[in-house]
Amino acid sequence: MCKSPKQSPKSVVVAAVCLIHPDRPELLMVRKKGTSSFMLPGGKIETDESPRATAVREIAEELHLDLDPDRLDLLGSWTTDAANEPDTHVTGTVFLHRGTPDGLNAQDPGFFSEIDEAEWFPIADLPQDTPERAFAPLTRNHVIPELLNRGVN
């Protein structure tokens, strides 16, 4: 019996932003339509676009917030399994926004475009994944530990 060779995973490159609640150590995450995984707001980097420019563009599309690029500090860049795409790796460049963005309603964050839900989740005690609600491996395994390491909790 002949085994077929294992396919290499697909790869996507994204930029994302950590937005911290102004009064509590919580992180804003979004869930895209038709998915069960919460992730950081952001998206795929377009040709000839920097990660920082992608982050600003995606936050404008998804949350209708105009971020000042000078308030985005590089948190890190990691490669891991993609949350909503099987057999896919994601390389994410993640920024931490300093302060609360102008126009963000912390009690009821607005969401637009392909986003179906936006919620605040505790940084230091992120809930466990369930079949109904999971968290992106990039966020859970890389971003949260880096935020905790930097004392954002």
Protein backbone atom coordinates (compact mmCIF):
# COMPACT_ATOMS: atom_id res chain seq x y z
CA MET A 1 0.00 0.00 0.00
CA CYS A 2 1.41 3.34 -1.02
CA LYS A 3 1.14 6.28 1.38
CA SER A 4 0.59 9.69 -0.09
CA PRO A 5 3.16 12.27 0.97
CA LYS A 6 2.06 14.60 3.72
CA GLN A 7 1.15 18.02 2.35
CA SER A 8 3.00 21.01 3.74
CA PRO A 9 0.73 23.42 5.56
CA LYS A 10 -0.33 26.62 3.86
CA SER A 11 1.00 29.83 5.32
CA VAL A 12 -0.57 33.24 5.90
CA VAL A 13 1.09 36.41 7.16
CA VAL A 14 -0.92 38.81 9.32
CA ALA A 15 -0.60 41.86 11.52
CA ALA A 16 -2.69 42.34 14.66
CA VAL A 17 -3.15 44.78 17.53
CA CYS A 18 -3.55 44.32 21.28
CA LEU A 19 -6.07 46.81 22.65
CA ILE A 20 -6.19 46.84 26.46
CA HIS A 21 -9.32 47.87 28.36
CA PRO A 22 -8.85 51.32 29.94
CA ASP A 23 -10.04 50.19 33.41
CA ARG A 24 -9.33 46.46 33.61
CA PRO A 25 -6.52 44.11 32.54
CA GLU A 26 -8.51 42.74 29.61
CA LEU A 27 -7.74 42.27 25.95
CA LEU A 28 -10.18 43.02 23.13
CA MET A 29 -10.66 40.05 20.83
CA VAL A 30 -12.88 39.50 17.84
CA ARG A 31 -14.60 36.51 16.25
CA LYS A 32 -15.04 36.45 12.50
CA LYS A 33 -18.33 35.41 10.91
CA GLY A 34 -18.72 31.65 10.56
CA THR A 35 -15.97 30.81 13.09
CA SER A 36 -15.75 29.90 16.78
CA SER A 37 -12.26 31.23 17.57
CA PHE A 38 -11.60 34.62 19.11
CA MET A 39 -8.46 36.37 17.97
CA LEU A 40 -6.82 39.76 18.00
CA PRO A 41 -8.21 42.30 15.55
CA GLY A 42 -6.07 42.46 12.44
CA GLY A 43 -5.64 40.71 9.14
CA LYS A 44 -3.57 39.62 6.19
CA ILE A 45 -0.74 41.81 4.99
CA GLU A 46 -1.21 43.01 1.42
CA THR A 47 1.57 43.22 -1.17
CA ASP A 48 3.94 46.13 -0.52
CA GLU A 49 2.26 46.89 2.84
CA SER A 50 4.15 47.01 6.14
CA PRO A 51 2.82 45.13 9.18
CA ARG A 52 2.22 48.47 10.95
CA ALA A 53 0.22 49.82 7.97
CA THR A 54 -1.77 46.57 7.85
CA ALA A 55 -2.57 46.86 11.55
CA VAL A 56 -3.84 50.42 11.14
CA ARG A 57 -5.89 49.52 8.03
CA GLU A 58 -7.42 46.39 9.54
CA ILE A 59 -8.43 48.13 12.79
CA ALA A 60 -10.10 50.85 10.72
CA GLU A 61 -12.01 48.20 8.75
CA GLU A 62 -12.94 45.92 11.65
CA LEU A 63 -13.47 48.36 14.53
CA HIS A 64 -13.80 51.76 12.77
CA LEU A 65 -10.93 53.16 14.86
CA ASP A 66 -8.24 55.41 13.42
CA LEU A 67 -5.05 54.34 15.17
CA ASP A 68 -2.02 56.56 15.41
CA PRO A 69 0.83 54.36 14.09
CA ASP A 70 3.22 56.08 16.52
CA ARG A 71 1.24 54.57 19.43
CA LEU A 72 1.83 51.00 18.20
CA ASP A 73 4.72 49.26 19.95
CA LEU A 74 5.99 46.02 18.44
CA LEU A 75 5.11 43.17 20.79
CA GLY A 76 6.60 40.39 18.67
CA SER A 77 6.28 38.13 15.67
CA TRP A 78 5.45 34.43 15.93
CA THR A 79 4.53 31.49 13.71
CA THR A 80 1.95 28.95 14.89
CA ASP A 81 -1.15 27.06 13.77
CA ALA A 82 -3.91 29.22 12.31
CA ALA A 83 -7.11 29.35 14.36
CA ASN A 84 -9.77 29.01 11.69
CA GLU A 85 -7.92 27.47 8.75
CA PRO A 86 -6.98 23.78 8.98
CA ASP A 87 -3.50 22.77 7.81
CA THR A 88 -2.40 26.40 7.83
CA HIS A 89 0.35 28.21 9.69
CA VAL A 90 0.04 31.88 10.53
CA THR A 91 2.93 34.25 11.06
CA GLY A 92 1.65 37.17 13.04
CA THR A 93 3.35 40.47 13.76
CA VAL A 94 1.59 41.87 16.81
CA PHE A 95 1.56 45.42 18.11
CA LEU A 96 0.53 46.75 21.52
CA HIS A 97 -1.43 49.99 21.33
CA ARG A 98 -0.34 52.49 24.01
CA GLY A 99 -3.43 53.86 25.74
CA THR A 100 -7.05 53.77 24.67
CA PRO A 101 -7.67 54.61 21.02
CA ASP A 102 -9.84 57.66 20.34
CA GLY A 103 -13.40 56.58 19.65
CA LEU A 104 -13.23 53.18 21.38
CA ASN A 105 -16.37 52.53 23.43
CA ALA A 106 -14.99 50.18 26.08
CA GLN A 107 -18.48 49.23 27.32
CA ASP A 108 -19.73 48.31 23.85
CA PRO A 109 -16.95 48.06 21.27
CA GLY A 110 -18.32 48.35 17.76
CA PHE A 111 -17.37 45.84 15.08
CA PHE A 112 -17.77 45.82 11.33
CA SER A 113 -16.70 44.10 8.12
CA GLU A 114 -16.27 40.33 8.57
CA ILE A 115 -16.41 40.53 12.39
CA ASP A 116 -19.36 38.89 14.15
CA GLU A 117 -18.45 39.61 17.76
CA ALA A 118 -16.02 41.68 19.86
CA GLU A 119 -15.43 40.92 23.54
CA TRP A 120 -13.02 41.73 26.36
CA PHE A 121 -11.19 38.78 27.94
CA PRO A 122 -8.92 38.72 31.03
CA ILE A 123 -5.25 38.67 30.15
CA ALA A 124 -4.00 36.76 33.19
CA ASP A 125 -6.85 34.25 33.28
CA LEU A 126 -7.94 33.57 29.71
CA PRO A 127 -10.83 31.05 29.76
CA GLN A 128 -10.28 27.51 28.55
CA ASP A 129 -11.27 26.62 25.01
CA THR A 130 -14.65 24.94 24.55
CA PRO A 131 -16.30 23.53 21.41
CA GLU A 132 -18.39 26.72 21.24
CA ARG A 133 -15.58 29.22 21.91
CA ALA A 134 -11.87 28.89 21.39
CA PHE A 135 -8.93 31.29 21.32
CA ALA A 136 -6.38 31.58 18.53
CA PRO A 137 -3.11 29.75 19.29
CA LEU A 138 -1.19 32.93 18.38
CA THR A 139 -3.00 34.83 21.13
CA ARG A 140 -3.10 32.09 23.77
CA ASN A 141 0.40 30.65 23.32
CA HIS A 142 2.44 33.70 22.33
CA VAL A 143 0.75 37.07 22.83
CA ILE A 144 -0.70 36.45 26.31
CA PRO A 145 2.63 35.16 27.72
CA GLU A 146 4.46 38.16 26.22
CA LEU A 147 1.91 40.59 27.69
CA LEU A 148 2.28 38.93 31.11
CA ASN A 149 6.09 39.02 30.76
CA ARG A 150 5.85 42.79 30.16
CA GLY A 151 3.63 43.25 33.20
CA VAL A 152 0.42 43.95 31.27
CA ASN A 153 -2.00 42.09 33.51
